PDB file of N, CA and C in Angstrom:
ATOM      1  N   MET A   1      44.821  51.866  22.285  1.00  0.00           N
ATOM      2  CA  MET A   1      45.021  52.718  23.424  1.00  0.00           C
ATOM      3  C   MET A   1      43.879  53.683  23.663  1.00  0.00           C
ATOM      4  N   PRO A   2      42.672  53.296  23.335  1.00  0.00           N
ATOM      5  CA  PRO A   2      41.575  54.221  23.601  1.00  0.00           C
ATOM      6  C   PRO A   2      41.484  54.566  25.090  1.00  0.00           C
ATOM      7  N   TYR A   3      41.229  55.828  25.353  1.00  0.00           N
ATOM      8  CA  TYR A   3      41.084  56.316  26.722  1.00  0.00           C
ATOM      9  C   TYR A   3      39.819  57.166  26.793  1.00  0.00           C
ATOM     10  N   LEU A   4      38.932  56.805  27.707  1.00  0.00           N
ATOM     11  CA  LEU A   4      37.725  57.588  27.946  1.00  0.00           C
ATOM     12  C   LEU A   4      37.781  58.104  29.369  1.00  0.00           C
ATOM     13  N   ASN A   5      37.714  59.419  29.510  1.00  0.00           N
ATOM     14  CA  ASN A   5      37.667  60.059  30.815  1.00  0.00           C
ATOM     15  C   ASN A   5      36.275  60.644  30.999  1.00  0.00           C
ATOM     16  N   ILE A   6      35.633  60.302  32.101  1.00  0.00           N
ATOM     17  CA  ILE A   6      34.281  60.786  32.395  1.00  0.00           C
ATOM     18  C   ILE A   6      34.332  61.590  33.684  1.00  0.00           C
ATOM     19  N   GLN A   7      33.923  62.849  33.600  1.00  0.00           N
ATOM     20  CA  GLN A   7      33.768  63.681  34.786  1.00  0.00           C
ATOM     21  C   GLN A   7      32.302  64.074  34.860  1.00  0.00           C
ATOM     22  N   THR A   8      31.694  63.879  36.022  1.00  0.00           N
ATOM     23  CA  THR A   8      30.276  64.194  36.170  1.00  0.00           C
ATOM     24  C   THR A   8      29.965  64.636  37.592  1.00  0.00           C
ATOM     25  N   ASN A   9      28.916  65.420  37.718  1.00  0.00           N
ATOM     26  CA  ASN A   9      28.454  65.830  39.038  1.00  0.00           C
ATOM     27  C   ASN A   9      27.421  64.855  39.604  1.00  0.00           C
ATOM     28  N   VAL A  10      27.164  63.783  38.894  1.00  0.00           N
ATOM     29  CA  VAL A  10      26.192  62.779  39.326  1.00  0.00           C
ATOM     30  C   VAL A  10      26.897  61.726  40.191  1.00  0.00           C
ATOM     31  N   PRO A  11      26.329  61.389  41.350  1.00  0.00           N
ATOM     32  CA  PRO A  11      26.891  60.290  42.130  1.00  0.00           C
ATOM     33  C   PRO A  11      26.673  58.967  41.390  1.00  0.00           C
ATOM     34  N   VAL A  12      27.632  58.072  41.482  1.00  0.00           N
ATOM     35  CA  VAL A  12      27.538  56.773  40.808  1.00  0.00           C
ATOM     36  C   VAL A  12      27.546  55.689  41.875  1.00  0.00           C
ATOM     37  N   ALA A  13      26.436  54.971  41.975  1.00  0.00           N
ATOM     38  CA  ALA A  13      26.297  53.940  43.003  1.00  0.00           C
ATOM     39  C   ALA A  13      27.219  52.752  42.754  1.00  0.00           C
ATOM     40  N   ASP A  14      27.331  52.328  41.510  1.00  0.00           N
ATOM     41  CA  ASP A  14      28.161  51.163  41.187  1.00  0.00           C
ATOM     42  C   ASP A  14      29.118  51.523  40.059  1.00  0.00           C
ATOM     43  N   ALA A  15      30.249  52.089  40.434  1.00  0.00           N
ATOM     44  CA  ALA A  15      31.225  52.536  39.445  1.00  0.00           C
ATOM     45  C   ALA A  15      31.733  51.390  38.585  1.00  0.00           C
ATOM     46  N   ALA A  16      31.883  50.206  39.168  1.00  0.00           N
ATOM     47  CA  ALA A  16      32.411  49.058  38.414  1.00  0.00           C
ATOM     48  C   ALA A  16      31.502  48.716  37.234  1.00  0.00           C
ATOM     49  N   VAL A  17      30.202  48.793  37.431  1.00  0.00           N
ATOM     50  CA  VAL A  17      29.263  48.497  36.342  1.00  0.00           C
ATOM     51  C   VAL A  17      29.386  49.555  35.249  1.00  0.00           C
ATOM     52  N   LEU A  18      29.382  50.823  35.627  1.00  0.00           N
ATOM     53  CA  LEU A  18      29.501  51.895  34.644  1.00  0.00           C
ATOM     54  C   LEU A  18      30.817  51.783  33.876  1.00  0.00           C
ATOM     55  N   LEU A  19      31.915  51.560  34.585  1.00  0.00           N
ATOM     56  CA  LEU A  19      33.218  51.451  33.938  1.00  0.00           C
ATOM     57  C   LEU A  19      33.270  50.271  32.973  1.00  0.00           C
ATOM     58  N   GLY A  20      32.713  49.148  33.384  1.00  0.00           N
ATOM     59  CA  GLY A  20      32.701  47.967  32.518  1.00  0.00           C
ATOM     60  C   GLY A  20      31.908  48.189  31.244  1.00  0.00           C
ATOM     61  N   LYS A  21      30.740  48.802  31.388  1.00  0.00           N
ATOM     62  CA  LYS A  21      29.914  49.083  30.207  1.00  0.00           C
ATOM     63  C   LYS A  21      30.566  50.126  29.312  1.00  0.00           C
ATOM     64  N   ALA A  22      31.201  51.127  29.910  1.00  0.00           N
ATOM     65  CA  ALA A  22      31.886  52.150  29.123  1.00  0.00           C
ATOM     66  C   ALA A  22      33.050  51.542  28.355  1.00  0.00           C
ATOM     67  N   SER A  23      33.784  50.643  28.984  1.00  0.00           N
ATOM     68  CA  SER A  23      34.911  49.984  28.331  1.00  0.00           C
ATOM     69  C   SER A  23      34.449  49.179  27.116  1.00  0.00           C
ATOM     70  N   SER A  24      33.386  48.431  27.284  1.00  0.00           N
ATOM     71  CA  SER A  24      32.830  47.657  26.164  1.00  0.00           C
ATOM     72  C   SER A  24      32.339  48.567  25.047  1.00  0.00           C
ATOM     73  N   LEU A  25      31.668  49.649  25.422  1.00  0.00           N
ATOM     74  CA  LEU A  25      31.155  50.596  24.433  1.00  0.00           C
ATOM     75  C   LEU A  25      32.283  51.185  23.597  1.00  0.00           C
ATOM     76  N   VAL A  26      33.346  51.632  24.256  1.00  0.00           N
ATOM     77  CA  VAL A  26      34.464  52.247  23.547  1.00  0.00           C
ATOM     78  C   VAL A  26      35.112  51.237  22.599  1.00  0.00           C
ATOM     79  N   ALA A  27      35.327  50.026  23.071  1.00  0.00           N
ATOM     80  CA  ALA A  27      35.923  48.993  22.217  1.00  0.00           C
ATOM     81  C   ALA A  27      35.045  48.733  20.995  1.00  0.00           C
ATOM     82  N   ASP A  28      33.749  48.597  21.208  1.00  0.00           N
ATOM     83  CA  ASP A  28      32.824  48.345  20.091  1.00  0.00           C
ATOM     84  C   ASP A  28      32.764  49.534  19.135  1.00  0.00           C
ATOM     85  N   MET A  29      32.661  50.731  19.689  1.00  0.00           N
ATOM     86  CA  MET A  29      32.570  51.943  18.875  1.00  0.00           C
ATOM     87  C   MET A  29      33.774  52.099  17.960  1.00  0.00           C
ATOM     88  N   LEU A  30      34.957  51.865  18.515  1.00  0.00           N
ATOM     89  CA  LEU A  30      36.194  52.117  17.780  1.00  0.00           C
ATOM     90  C   LEU A  30      36.733  50.891  17.063  1.00  0.00           C
ATOM     91  N   GLY A  31      36.131  49.729  17.309  1.00  0.00           N
ATOM     92  CA  GLY A  31      36.601  48.508  16.672  1.00  0.00           C
ATOM     93  C   GLY A  31      37.997  48.111  17.138  1.00  0.00           C
ATOM     94  N   LYS A  32      38.269  48.357  18.414  1.00  0.00           N
ATOM     95  CA  LYS A  32      39.582  48.033  18.973  1.00  0.00           C
ATOM     96  C   LYS A  32      39.411  47.016  20.095  1.00  0.00           C
ATOM     97  N   PRO A  33      40.458  46.234  20.375  1.00  0.00           N
ATOM     98  CA  PRO A  33      40.354  45.253  21.451  1.00  0.00           C
ATOM     99  C   PRO A  33      40.129  45.936  22.805  1.00  0.00           C
ATOM    100  N   GLU A  34      39.230  45.382  23.584  1.00  0.00           N
ATOM    101  CA  GLU A  34      38.958  45.962  24.895  1.00  0.00           C
ATOM    102  C   GLU A  34      40.189  45.880  25.803  1.00  0.00           C
ATOM    103  N   SER A  35      41.092  44.984  25.503  1.00  0.00           N
ATOM    104  CA  SER A  35      42.304  44.841  26.314  1.00  0.00           C
ATOM    105  C   SER A  35      43.178  46.099  26.277  1.00  0.00           C
ATOM    106  N   TYR A  36      42.927  47.009  25.335  1.00  0.00           N
ATOM    107  CA  TYR A  36      43.673  48.260  25.251  1.00  0.00           C
ATOM    108  C   TYR A  36      42.907  49.461  25.811  1.00  0.00           C
ATOM    109  N   VAL A  37      41.647  49.272  26.145  1.00  0.00           N
ATOM    110  CA  VAL A  37      40.788  50.388  26.553  1.00  0.00           C
ATOM    111  C   VAL A  37      41.010  50.732  28.031  1.00  0.00           C
ATOM    112  N   LEU A  38      41.159  52.029  28.295  1.00  0.00           N
ATOM    113  CA  LEU A  38      41.267  52.548  29.655  1.00  0.00           C
ATOM    114  C   LEU A  38      40.126  53.536  29.875  1.00  0.00           C
ATOM    115  N   VAL A  39      39.396  53.357  30.970  1.00  0.00           N
ATOM    116  CA  VAL A  39      38.297  54.265  31.301  1.00  0.00           C
ATOM    117  C   VAL A  39      38.524  54.799  32.708  1.00  0.00           C
ATOM    118  N   HIS A  40      38.381  56.104  32.851  1.00  0.00           N
ATOM    119  CA  HIS A  40      38.545  56.771  34.146  1.00  0.00           C
ATOM    120  C   HIS A  40      37.252  57.496  34.483  1.00  0.00           C
ATOM    121  N   LEU A  41      36.857  57.441  35.739  1.00  0.00           N
ATOM    122  CA  LEU A  41      35.629  58.080  36.178  1.00  0.00           C
ATOM    123  C   LEU A  41      35.887  58.979  37.373  1.00  0.00           C
ATOM    124  N   ASP A  42      35.458  60.227  37.270  1.00  0.00           N
ATOM    125  CA  ASP A  42      35.379  61.148  38.402  1.00  0.00           C
ATOM    126  C   ASP A  42      33.902  61.476  38.562  1.00  0.00           C
ATOM    127  N   ALA A  43      33.298  60.917  39.600  1.00  0.00           N
ATOM    128  CA  ALA A  43      31.861  61.114  39.815  1.00  0.00           C
ATOM    129  C   ALA A  43      31.624  61.997  41.035  1.00  0.00           C
ATOM    130  N   ASP A  44      30.441  62.594  41.073  1.00  0.00           N
ATOM    131  CA  ASP A  44      30.007  63.409  42.199  1.00  0.00           C
ATOM    132  C   ASP A  44      30.989  64.552  42.480  1.00  0.00           C
ATOM    133  N   VAL A  45      31.495  65.157  41.396  1.00  0.00           N
ATOM    134  CA  VAL A  45      32.412  66.288  41.531  1.00  0.00           C
ATOM    135  C   VAL A  45      31.653  67.592  41.274  1.00  0.00           C
ATOM    136  N   PRO A  46      32.068  68.685  41.877  1.00  0.00           N
ATOM    137  CA  PRO A  46      31.416  69.965  41.608  1.00  0.00           C
ATOM    138  C   PRO A  46      31.534  70.312  40.121  1.00  0.00           C
ATOM    139  N   LEU A  47      30.402  70.589  39.509  1.00  0.00           N
ATOM    140  CA  LEU A  47      30.376  70.891  38.077  1.00  0.00           C
ATOM    141  C   LEU A  47      29.172  71.777  37.784  1.00  0.00           C
ATOM    142  N   ILE A  48      29.404  72.850  37.101  1.00  0.00           N
ATOM    143  CA  ILE A  48      28.330  73.754  36.677  1.00  0.00           C
ATOM    144  C   ILE A  48      28.356  73.819  35.158  1.00  0.00           C
ATOM    145  N   PHE A  49      27.216  73.628  34.536  1.00  0.00           N
ATOM    146  CA  PHE A  49      27.088  73.711  33.079  1.00  0.00           C
ATOM    147  C   PHE A  49      25.940  74.666  32.788  1.00  0.00           C
ATOM    148  N   ALA A  50      26.200  75.699  32.001  1.00  0.00           N
ATOM    149  CA  ALA A  50      25.180  76.697  31.635  1.00  0.00           C
ATOM    150  C   ALA A  50      24.549  77.326  32.869  1.00  0.00           C
ATOM    151  N   GLY A  51      25.359  77.537  33.899  1.00  0.00           N
ATOM    152  CA  GLY A  51      24.876  78.183  35.110  1.00  0.00           C
ATOM    153  C   GLY A  51      24.040  77.307  36.014  1.00  0.00           C
ATOM    154  N   SER A  52      23.993  76.000  35.739  1.00  0.00           N
ATOM    155  CA  SER A  52      23.156  75.080  36.510  1.00  0.00           C
ATOM    156  C   SER A  52      23.975  73.891  37.005  1.00  0.00           C
ATOM    157  N   ASP A  53      23.630  73.417  38.190  1.00  0.00           N
ATOM    158  CA  ASP A  53      24.285  72.225  38.709  1.00  0.00           C
ATOM    159  C   ASP A  53      23.458  70.960  38.454  1.00  0.00           C
ATOM    160  N   ALA A  54      22.533  71.038  37.509  1.00  0.00           N
ATOM    161  CA  ALA A  54      21.765  69.853  37.101  1.00  0.00           C
ATOM    162  C   ALA A  54      22.742  68.816  36.536  1.00  0.00           C
ATOM    163  N   PRO A  55      22.345  67.544  36.478  1.00  0.00           N
ATOM    164  CA  PRO A  55      23.259  66.509  35.967  1.00  0.00           C
ATOM    165  C   PRO A  55      23.931  66.916  34.653  1.00  0.00           C
ATOM    166  N   ALA A  56      25.259  66.768  34.645  1.00  0.00           N
ATOM    167  CA  ALA A  56      26.063  67.153  33.487  1.00  0.00           C
ATOM    168  C   ALA A  56      27.319  66.286  33.465  1.00  0.00           C
ATOM    169  N   ALA A  57      27.992  66.300  32.319  1.00  0.00           N
ATOM    170  CA  ALA A  57      29.229  65.519  32.201  1.00  0.00           C
ATOM    171  C   ALA A  57      30.155  66.138  31.168  1.00  0.00           C
ATOM    172  N   TYR A  58      31.445  65.918  31.406  1.00  0.00           N
ATOM    173  CA  TYR A  58      32.492  66.279  30.456  1.00  0.00           C
ATOM    174  C   TYR A  58      33.261  65.003  30.173  1.00  0.00           C
ATOM    175  N   LEU A  59      33.337  64.621  28.897  1.00  0.00           N
ATOM    176  CA  LEU A  59      34.028  63.412  28.493  1.00  0.00           C
ATOM    177  C   LEU A  59      35.197  63.759  27.590  1.00  0.00           C
ATOM    178  N   GLN A  60      36.233  62.963  27.695  1.00  0.00           N
ATOM    179  CA  GLN A  60      37.373  63.059  26.777  1.00  0.00           C
ATOM    180  C   GLN A  60      37.564  61.670  26.187  1.00  0.00           C
ATOM    181  N   LEU A  61      37.562  61.588  24.875  1.00  0.00           N
ATOM    182  CA  LEU A  61      37.840  60.333  24.192  1.00  0.00           C
ATOM    183  C   LEU A  61      39.091  60.530  23.356  1.00  0.00           C
ATOM    184  N   LYS A  62      40.130  59.778  23.703  1.00  0.00           N
ATOM    185  CA  LYS A  62      41.400  59.842  22.981  1.00  0.00           C
ATOM    186  C   LYS A  62      41.688  58.465  22.417  1.00  0.00           C
ATOM    187  N   SER A  63      42.174  58.437  21.188  1.00  0.00           N
ATOM    188  CA  SER A  63      42.547  57.162  20.591  1.00  0.00           C
ATOM    189  C   SER A  63      43.453  57.403  19.393  1.00  0.00           C
ATOM    190  N   LEU A  64      44.423  56.526  19.234  1.00  0.00           N
ATOM    191  CA  LEU A  64      45.241  56.568  18.029  1.00  0.00           C
ATOM    192  C   LEU A  64      44.337  56.330  16.828  1.00  0.00           C
ATOM    193  N   GLY A  65      44.507  57.114  15.795  1.00  0.00           N
ATOM    194  CA  GLY A  65      43.725  56.918  14.580  1.00  0.00           C
ATOM    195  C   GLY A  65      42.248  57.203  14.721  1.00  0.00           C
ATOM    196  N   LEU A  66      41.863  58.039  15.673  1.00  0.00           N
ATOM    197  CA  LEU A  66      40.447  58.365  15.857  1.00  0.00           C
ATOM    198  C   LEU A  66      39.910  59.008  14.576  1.00  0.00           C
ATOM    199  N   ALA A  67      38.901  58.408  14.014  1.00  0.00           N
ATOM    200  CA  ALA A  67      38.344  58.865  12.738  1.00  0.00           C
ATOM    201  C   ALA A  67      37.568  60.168  12.922  1.00  0.00           C
ATOM    202  N   GLN A  68      38.074  61.247  12.340  1.00  0.00           N
ATOM    203  CA  GLN A  68      37.417  62.551  12.467  1.00  0.00           C
ATOM    204  C   GLN A  68      36.017  62.547  11.865  1.00  0.00           C
ATOM    205  N   ASP A  69      35.817  61.764  10.830  1.00  0.00           N
ATOM    206  CA  ASP A  69      34.503  61.742  10.183  1.00  0.00           C
ATOM    207  C   ASP A  69      33.478  60.927  10.968  1.00  0.00           C
ATOM    208  N   LYS A  70      33.885  60.323  12.083  1.00  0.00           N
ATOM    209  CA  LYS A  70      32.959  59.526  12.898  1.00  0.00           C
ATOM    210  C   LYS A  70      32.682  60.156  14.260  1.00  0.00           C
ATOM    211  N   THR A  71      33.246  61.333  14.525  1.00  0.00           N
ATOM    212  CA  THR A  71      33.049  61.911  15.848  1.00  0.00           C
ATOM    213  C   THR A  71      31.579  62.220  16.147  1.00  0.00           C
ATOM    214  N   ALA A  72      30.803  62.574  15.149  1.00  0.00           N
ATOM    215  CA  ALA A  72      29.370  62.808  15.380  1.00  0.00           C
ATOM    216  C   ALA A  72      28.688  61.514  15.824  1.00  0.00           C
ATOM    217  N   ASP A  73      29.062  60.391  15.217  1.00  0.00           N
ATOM    218  CA  ASP A  73      28.512  59.090  15.624  1.00  0.00           C
ATOM    219  C   ASP A  73      28.952  58.746  17.046  1.00  0.00           C
ATOM    220  N   TYR A  74      30.231  58.991  17.349  1.00  0.00           N
ATOM    221  CA  TYR A  74      30.736  58.718  18.694  1.00  0.00           C
ATOM    222  C   TYR A  74      29.998  59.578  19.719  1.00  0.00           C
ATOM    223  N   SER A  75      29.755  60.845  19.368  1.00  0.00           N
ATOM    224  CA  SER A  75      29.035  61.745  20.260  1.00  0.00           C
ATOM    225  C   SER A  75      27.634  61.215  20.542  1.00  0.00           C
ATOM    226  N   LEU A  76      26.959  60.767  19.512  1.00  0.00           N
ATOM    227  CA  LEU A  76      25.619  60.203  19.675  1.00  0.00           C
ATOM    228  C   LEU A  76      25.647  59.008  20.619  1.00  0.00           C
ATOM    229  N   ASP A  77      26.590  58.102  20.405  1.00  0.00           N
ATOM    230  CA  ASP A  77      26.702  56.899  21.239  1.00  0.00           C
ATOM    231  C   ASP A  77      27.047  57.242  22.682  1.00  0.00           C
ATOM    232  N   LEU A  78      27.998  58.146  22.877  1.00  0.00           N
ATOM    233  CA  LEU A  78      28.405  58.496  24.234  1.00  0.00           C
ATOM    234  C   LEU A  78      27.312  59.261  24.979  1.00  0.00           C
ATOM    235  N   CYS A  79      26.607  60.139  24.279  1.00  0.00           N
ATOM    236  CA  CYS A  79      25.498  60.856  24.921  1.00  0.00           C
ATOM    237  C   CYS A  79      24.369  59.899  25.288  1.00  0.00           C
ATOM    238  N   ALA A  80      24.086  58.931  24.433  1.00  0.00           N
ATOM    239  CA  ALA A  80      23.064  57.927  24.754  1.00  0.00           C
ATOM    240  C   ALA A  80      23.490  57.116  25.978  1.00  0.00           C
ATOM    241  N   PHE A  81      24.771  56.812  26.062  1.00  0.00           N
ATOM    242  CA  PHE A  81      25.299  56.078  27.205  1.00  0.00           C
ATOM    243  C   PHE A  81      25.130  56.884  28.492  1.00  0.00           C
ATOM    244  N   MET A  82      25.456  58.171  28.455  1.00  0.00           N
ATOM    245  CA  MET A  82      25.307  59.024  29.632  1.00  0.00           C
ATOM    246  C   MET A  82      23.838  59.138  30.051  1.00  0.00           C
ATOM    247  N   ALA A  83      22.947  59.211  29.065  1.00  0.00           N
ATOM    248  CA  ALA A  83      21.519  59.273  29.373  1.00  0.00           C
ATOM    249  C   ALA A  83      21.039  57.968  30.017  1.00  0.00           C
ATOM    250  N   GLU A  84      21.473  56.855  29.454  1.00  0.00           N
ATOM    251  CA  GLU A  84      21.057  55.548  29.973  1.00  0.00           C
ATOM    252  C   GLU A  84      21.617  55.268  31.370  1.00  0.00           C
ATOM    253  N   MET A  85      22.897  55.536  31.552  1.00  0.00           N
ATOM    254  CA  MET A  85      23.560  55.160  32.802  1.00  0.00           C
ATOM    255  C   MET A  85      23.371  56.174  33.935  1.00  0.00           C
ATOM    256  N   LEU A  86      23.319  57.477  33.587  1.00  0.00           N
ATOM    257  CA  LEU A  86      23.298  58.505  34.626  1.00  0.00           C
ATOM    258  C   LEU A  86      22.171  59.523  34.475  1.00  0.00           C
ATOM    259  N   ALA A  87      21.280  59.297  33.529  1.00  0.00           N
ATOM    260  CA  ALA A  87      20.146  60.204  33.293  1.00  0.00           C
ATOM    261  C   ALA A  87      20.608  61.635  33.012  1.00  0.00           C
ATOM    262  N   ILE A  88      21.699  61.754  32.246  1.00  0.00           N
ATOM    263  CA  ILE A  88      22.200  63.067  31.843  1.00  0.00           C
ATOM    264  C   ILE A  88      21.745  63.332  30.414  1.00  0.00           C
ATOM    265  N   GLU A  89      21.050  64.429  30.212  1.00  0.00           N
ATOM    266  CA  GLU A  89      20.566  64.794  28.886  1.00  0.00           C
ATOM    267  C   GLU A  89      21.738  65.105  27.954  1.00  0.00           C
ATOM    268  N   ALA A  90      21.577  64.788  26.687  1.00  0.00           N
ATOM    269  CA  ALA A  90      22.640  65.000  25.694  1.00  0.00           C
ATOM    270  C   ALA A  90      23.095  66.458  25.647  1.00  0.00           C
ATOM    271  N   GLY A  91      22.190  67.377  25.866  1.00  0.00           N
ATOM    272  CA  GLY A  91      22.517  68.793  25.835  1.00  0.00           C
ATOM    273  C   GLY A  91      23.334  69.265  27.030  1.00  0.00           C
ATOM    274  N   ARG A  92      23.611  68.350  27.956  1.00  0.00           N
ATOM    275  CA  ARG A  92      24.411  68.698  29.134  1.00  0.00           C
ATOM    276  C   ARG A  92      25.684  67.855  29.183  1.00  0.00           C
ATOM    277  N   VAL A  93      26.124  67.432  27.994  1.00  0.00           N
ATOM    278  CA  VAL A  93      27.353  66.642  27.879  1.00  0.00           C
ATOM    279  C   VAL A  93      28.269  67.313  26.856  1.00  0.00           C
ATOM    280  N   TYR A  94      29.469  67.640  27.281  1.00  0.00           N
ATOM    281  CA  TYR A  94      30.514  68.074  26.358  1.00  0.00           C
ATOM    282  C   TYR A  94      31.468  66.907  26.164  1.00  0.00           C
ATOM    283  N   ILE A  95      31.949  66.738  24.933  1.00  0.00           N
ATOM    284  CA  ILE A  95      32.895  65.669  24.632  1.00  0.00           C
ATOM    285  C   ILE A  95      34.065  66.258  23.848  1.00  0.00           C
ATOM    286  N   GLU A  96      35.250  65.976  24.319  1.00  0.00           N
ATOM    287  CA  GLU A  96      36.470  66.388  23.625  1.00  0.00           C
ATOM    288  C   GLU A  96      37.088  65.151  22.981  1.00  0.00           C
ATOM    289  N   PHE A  97      37.292  65.213  21.678  1.00  0.00           N
ATOM    290  CA  PHE A  97      37.913  64.111  20.939  1.00  0.00           C
ATOM    291  C   PHE A  97      39.344  64.483  20.593  1.00  0.00           C
ATOM    292  N   SER A  98      40.247  63.515  20.689  1.00  0.00           N
ATOM    293  CA  SER A  98      41.609  63.768  20.238  1.00  0.00           C
ATOM    294  C   SER A  98      42.255  62.484  19.754  1.00  0.00           C
ATOM    295  N   ALA A  99      43.156  62.669  18.795  1.00  0.00           N
ATOM    296  CA  ALA A  99      43.885  61.554  18.183  1.00  0.00           C
ATOM    297  C   ALA A  99      45.375  61.876  18.237  1.00  0.00           C
ATOM    298  N   PRO A 100      46.045  61.488  19.326  1.00  0.00           N
ATOM    299  CA  PRO A 100      47.471  61.803  19.424  1.00  0.00           C
ATOM    300  C   PRO A 100      48.294  61.031  18.396  1.00  0.00           C
ATOM    301  N   GLU A 101      49.444  61.586  18.072  1.00  0.00           N
ATOM    302  CA  GLU A 101      50.377  60.871  17.205  1.00  0.00           C
ATOM    303  C   GLU A 101      50.886  59.645  17.969  1.00  0.00           C
ATOM    304  N   ARG A 102      51.220  58.593  17.240  1.00  0.00           N
ATOM    305  CA  ARG A 102      51.648  57.340  17.866  1.00  0.00           C
ATOM    306  C   ARG A 102      52.839  57.537  18.811  1.00  0.00           C
ATOM    307  N   HIS A 103      53.767  58.397  18.432  1.00  0.00           N
ATOM    308  CA  HIS A 103      54.946  58.603  19.270  1.00  0.00           C
ATOM    309  C   HIS A 103      54.646  59.427  20.527  1.00  0.00           C
ATOM    310  N   MET A 104      53.418  59.948  20.626  1.00  0.00           N
ATOM    311  CA  MET A 104      53.031  60.751  21.770  1.00  0.00           C
ATOM    312  C   MET A 104      52.206  59.952  22.780  1.00  0.00           C
ATOM    313  N   TRP A 105      52.112  58.646  22.581  1.00  0.00           N
ATOM    314  CA  TRP A 105      51.363  57.804  23.518  1.00  0.00           C
ATOM    315  C   TRP A 105      52.243  56.622  23.903  1.00  0.00           C
ATOM    316  N   GLY A 106      52.567  56.541  25.198  1.00  0.00           N
ATOM    317  CA  GLY A 106      53.443  55.495  25.679  1.00  0.00           C
ATOM    318  C   GLY A 106      52.683  54.349  26.324  1.00  0.00           C
ATOM    319  N   TRP A 107      53.288  53.187  26.272  1.00  0.00           N
ATOM    320  CA  TRP A 107      52.737  51.985  26.916  1.00  0.00           C
ATOM    321  C   TRP A 107      53.818  50.917  26.970  1.00  0.00           C
ATOM    322  N   ASN A 108      53.859  50.215  28.056  1.00  0.00           N
ATOM    323  CA  ASN A 108      54.722  49.039  28.181  1.00  0.00           C
ATOM    324  C   ASN A 108      56.213  49.373  27.945  1.00  0.00           C
ATOM    325  N   GLY A 109      56.616  50.557  28.397  1.00  0.00           N
ATOM    326  CA  GLY A 109      58.008  50.956  28.266  1.00  0.00           C
ATOM    327  C   GLY A 109      58.411  51.451  26.899  1.00  0.00           C
ATOM    328  N   ALA A 110      57.443  51.690  26.042  1.00  0.00           N
ATOM    329  CA  ALA A 110      57.723  52.160  24.681  1.00  0.00           C
ATOM    330  C   ALA A 110      56.594  53.093  24.244  1.00  0.00           C
ATOM    331  N   THR A 111      56.554  53.420  22.977  1.00  0.00           N
ATOM    332  CA  THR A 111      55.437  54.160  22.417  1.00  0.00           C
ATOM    333  C   THR A 111      54.803  53.321  21.318  1.00  0.00           C
ATOM    334  N   PHE A 112      53.650  53.752  20.882  1.00  0.00           N
ATOM    335  CA  PHE A 112      52.959  53.023  19.825  1.00  0.00           C
ATOM    336  C   PHE A 112      53.528  53.383  18.471  1.00  0.00           C
TER     337      PHE A 112
END
């Protein structure tokens, strides 16, 4: 049930390409089937970071069993992705990681 939410002030010309690559990245990073990955994108939204409207992003990565000792690696991978896809510098990306309890994440009429 990995979920990646991307909010950015950068316009995205081809959202389908970005979403597809993000979905693959999350599946590979977490070692989970891509069939469970959900990616959401809010692009070209008003966003100020450090008093500047230069390209920036706020990401949320949620997953059951998210390894706390790997969040630095995930941050590196996600920041590299933002730099590659949207030319956003790593220093202008905030990432929130969370690992909900299985009973707090629903799917298919039940919980995990």
